[in-house]
Amino acid sequence: MEHIAALLLVIGCTNSMADCHELQVPVSVFATADECTAERPFAVGDVRGQAQHVVAKCLAVDPALEDDYDRIVWNVHTDGSLDASLAISSLVVASNATRPEKGDLGQQ
């Protein structure tokens, strides 16, 4: 059985970033993160005409949990940045979201 090391998530949005949805690409699972990263620009090019703005991200897959992931949680911000995570039920197991700065939480 071949393990998945990375998943390519491609999202298409309107120019205002108000309406976004996942776009299907020919290959979305990869044996290595490097393969996913190398394929990302080609995948974005393949779906460019399906949305006004396209963003893509490779998500690391823990081989020990690959059969347990049951959803992808994602959010595209108005600046076009994409936060995405693989999740098991309501437990987030991998995330590329950045931590808020101290001031962002209202802390001094």
C-alpha atoms as a PDB file:
ATOM      1  CA  MET A   1       0.000   0.000   0.000  1.00  0.00           C
ATOM      2  CA  GLU A   2       1.400   3.382  -1.032  1.00  0.00           C
ATOM      3  CA  HIS A   3       1.200   6.155   1.542  1.00  0.00           C
ATOM      4  CA  ILE A   4       0.129   9.699   0.832  1.00  0.00           C
ATOM      5  CA  ALA A   5       2.539  12.378   2.080  1.00  0.00           C
ATOM      6  CA  ALA A   6       0.807  15.474   0.716  1.00  0.00           C
ATOM      7  CA  LEU A   7      -2.568  16.624  -0.554  1.00  0.00           C
ATOM      8  CA  LEU A   8      -2.946  19.474  -3.051  1.00  0.00           C
ATOM      9  CA  LEU A   9      -5.868  21.763  -2.226  1.00  0.00           C
ATOM     10  CA  VAL A  10      -6.912  24.202  -4.966  1.00  0.00           C
ATOM     11  CA  ILE A  11      -9.505  26.896  -4.273  1.00  0.00           C
ATOM     12  CA  GLY A  12     -11.180  29.207  -6.791  1.00  0.00           C
ATOM     13  CA  CYS A  13     -12.688  32.549  -5.754  1.00  0.00           C
ATOM     14  CA  THR A  14     -14.326  35.625  -7.176  1.00  0.00           C
ATOM     15  CA  ASN A  15     -12.101  38.730  -7.355  1.00  0.00           C
ATOM     16  CA  SER A  16     -13.639  40.010  -4.105  1.00  0.00           C
ATOM     17  CA  MET A  17     -12.747  36.689  -2.401  1.00  0.00           C
ATOM     18  CA  ALA A  18     -16.341  36.612  -1.101  1.00  0.00           C
ATOM     19  CA  ASP A  19     -17.330  33.394  -2.899  1.00  0.00           C
ATOM     20  CA  CYS A  20     -14.821  30.513  -2.936  1.00  0.00           C
ATOM     21  CA  HIS A  21     -15.019  26.784  -3.637  1.00  0.00           C
ATOM     22  CA  GLU A  22     -12.702  23.812  -4.082  1.00  0.00           C
ATOM     23  CA  LEU A  23     -11.567  23.095  -7.626  1.00  0.00           C
ATOM     24  CA  GLN A  24     -10.866  19.591  -8.899  1.00  0.00           C
ATOM     25  CA  VAL A  25      -7.419  18.936 -10.348  1.00  0.00           C
ATOM     26  CA  PRO A  26      -6.209  15.823 -12.221  1.00  0.00           C
ATOM     27  CA  VAL A  27      -3.793  14.795  -9.437  1.00  0.00           C
ATOM     28  CA  SER A  28      -4.353  15.846  -5.835  1.00  0.00           C
ATOM     29  CA  VAL A  29      -2.436  13.258  -3.760  1.00  0.00           C
ATOM     30  CA  PHE A  30       1.325  12.796  -3.724  1.00  0.00           C
ATOM     31  CA  ALA A  31       3.887  10.408  -2.278  1.00  0.00           C
ATOM     32  CA  THR A  32       6.161  13.302  -1.266  1.00  0.00           C
ATOM     33  CA  ALA A  33       5.690  16.942  -0.315  1.00  0.00           C
ATOM     34  CA  ASP A  34       8.250  17.921  -2.981  1.00  0.00           C
ATOM     35  CA  GLU A  35       6.132  16.269  -5.707  1.00  0.00           C
ATOM     36  CA  CYS A  36       3.109  18.237  -4.529  1.00  0.00           C
ATOM     37  CA  THR A  37       5.036  21.504  -4.481  1.00  0.00           C
ATOM     38  CA  ALA A  38       6.377  20.857  -7.983  1.00  0.00           C
ATOM     39  CA  GLU A  39       2.892  20.097  -9.354  1.00  0.00           C
ATOM     40  CA  ARG A  40       1.141  23.068  -7.694  1.00  0.00           C
ATOM     41  CA  PRO A  41       1.848  25.711 -10.406  1.00  0.00           C
ATOM     42  CA  PHE A  42       0.746  23.320 -13.156  1.00  0.00           C
ATOM     43  CA  ALA A  43      -2.475  22.480 -11.307  1.00  0.00           C
ATOM     44  CA  VAL A  44      -3.221  26.180 -10.821  1.00  0.00           C
ATOM     45  CA  GLY A  45      -2.648  26.729 -14.538  1.00  0.00           C
ATOM     46  CA  ASP A  46      -5.009  23.861 -15.401  1.00  0.00           C
ATOM     47  CA  VAL A  47      -7.931  25.467 -13.516  1.00  0.00           C
ATOM     48  CA  ARG A  48      -7.114  29.151 -14.087  1.00  0.00           C
ATOM     49  CA  GLY A  49     -10.194  29.735 -16.277  1.00  0.00           C
ATOM     50  CA  GLN A  50     -12.589  28.230 -13.701  1.00  0.00           C
ATOM     51  CA  ALA A  51     -12.329  31.145 -11.264  1.00  0.00           C
ATOM     52  CA  GLN A  52     -11.192  34.759 -11.187  1.00  0.00           C
ATOM     53  CA  HIS A  53      -8.674  34.076  -8.416  1.00  0.00           C
ATOM     54  CA  VAL A  54      -7.045  30.691  -7.733  1.00  0.00           C
ATOM     55  CA  VAL A  55      -5.004  29.739  -4.660  1.00  0.00           C
ATOM     56  CA  ALA A  56      -3.409  26.388  -3.883  1.00  0.00           C
ATOM     57  CA  LYS A  57      -1.591  24.807  -0.980  1.00  0.00           C
ATOM     58  CA  CYS A  58       0.062  21.470  -0.300  1.00  0.00           C
ATOM     59  CA  LEU A  59      -1.036  19.956   3.009  1.00  0.00           C
ATOM     60  CA  ALA A  60       1.174  17.448   4.799  1.00  0.00           C
ATOM     61  CA  VAL A  61      -0.478  14.095   5.469  1.00  0.00           C
ATOM     62  CA  ASP A  62       0.561  12.003   8.457  1.00  0.00           C
ATOM     63  CA  PRO A  63       0.792   8.443   7.017  1.00  0.00           C
ATOM     64  CA  ALA A  64      -0.339   7.007  10.355  1.00  0.00           C
ATOM     65  CA  LEU A  65      -3.577   9.003  10.100  1.00  0.00           C
ATOM     66  CA  GLU A  66      -4.228   9.123   6.346  1.00  0.00           C
ATOM     67  CA  ASP A  67      -7.261   6.829   6.584  1.00  0.00           C
ATOM     68  CA  ASP A  68      -8.678   8.803   9.519  1.00  0.00           C
ATOM     69  CA  TYR A  69      -8.849  12.264   7.924  1.00  0.00           C
ATOM     70  CA  ASP A  70     -12.450  13.023   7.106  1.00  0.00           C
ATOM     71  CA  ARG A  71     -12.420  16.666   6.060  1.00  0.00           C
ATOM     72  CA  ILE A  72     -10.372  19.621   4.929  1.00  0.00           C
ATOM     73  CA  VAL A  73     -10.960  22.889   6.738  1.00  0.00           C
ATOM     74  CA  TRP A  74      -9.978  25.975   4.752  1.00  0.00           C
ATOM     75  CA  ASN A  75     -10.433  29.731   4.664  1.00  0.00           C
ATOM     76  CA  VAL A  76      -9.382  32.245   2.028  1.00  0.00           C
ATOM     77  CA  HIS A  77      -8.739  35.714   3.423  1.00  0.00           C
ATOM     78  CA  THR A  78      -9.523  38.932   1.567  1.00  0.00           C
ATOM     79  CA  ASP A  79      -5.792  39.366   0.834  1.00  0.00           C
ATOM     80  CA  GLY A  80      -5.828  36.045  -1.061  1.00  0.00           C
ATOM     81  CA  SER A  81      -3.966  34.011   1.558  1.00  0.00           C
ATOM     82  CA  LEU A  82      -5.195  30.481   2.207  1.00  0.00           C
ATOM     83  CA  ASP A  83      -5.289  28.766   5.599  1.00  0.00           C
ATOM     84  CA  ALA A  84      -6.008  25.043   5.392  1.00  0.00           C
ATOM     85  CA  SER A  85      -5.953  22.018   7.676  1.00  0.00           C
ATOM     86  CA  LEU A  86      -6.684  18.318   7.498  1.00  0.00           C
ATOM     87  CA  ALA A  87      -9.045  17.266  10.251  1.00  0.00           C
ATOM     88  CA  ILE A  88     -10.382  14.189  11.971  1.00  0.00           C
ATOM     89  CA  SER A  89     -13.930  14.900  13.117  1.00  0.00           C
ATOM     90  CA  SER A  90     -13.577  18.113  15.115  1.00  0.00           C
ATOM     91  CA  LEU A  91      -9.897  17.595  15.949  1.00  0.00           C
ATOM     92  CA  VAL A  92      -7.405  19.537  13.808  1.00  0.00           C
ATOM     93  CA  VAL A  93      -4.339  17.381  13.223  1.00  0.00           C
ATOM     94  CA  ALA A  94      -2.363  19.501  10.760  1.00  0.00           C
ATOM     95  CA  SER A  95      -2.457  23.179  10.051  1.00  0.00           C
ATOM     96  CA  ASN A  96      -0.463  25.754   8.133  1.00  0.00           C
ATOM     97  CA  ALA A  97      -2.195  28.700   9.807  1.00  0.00           C
ATOM     98  CA  THR A  98       0.090  31.202  11.432  1.00  0.00           C
ATOM     99  CA  ARG A  99      -0.187  31.967  15.116  1.00  0.00           C
ATOM    100  CA  PRO A 100      -1.602  35.393  15.948  1.00  0.00           C
ATOM    101  CA  GLU A 101       0.839  37.978  17.211  1.00  0.00           C
ATOM    102  CA  LYS A 102       0.535  39.065  20.845  1.00  0.00           C
ATOM    103  CA  GLY A 103      -1.252  42.290  19.910  1.00  0.00           C
ATOM    104  CA  ASP A 104      -3.760  40.413  17.752  1.00  0.00           C
ATOM    105  CA  LEU A 105      -5.210  38.764  20.854  1.00  0.00           C
ATOM    106  CA  GLY A 106      -5.579  42.029  22.738  1.00  0.00           C
ATOM    107  CA  GLN A 107      -2.663  41.130  25.022  1.00  0.00           C
ATOM    108  CA  GLN A 108      -0.052  43.698  26.043  1.00  0.00           C
END
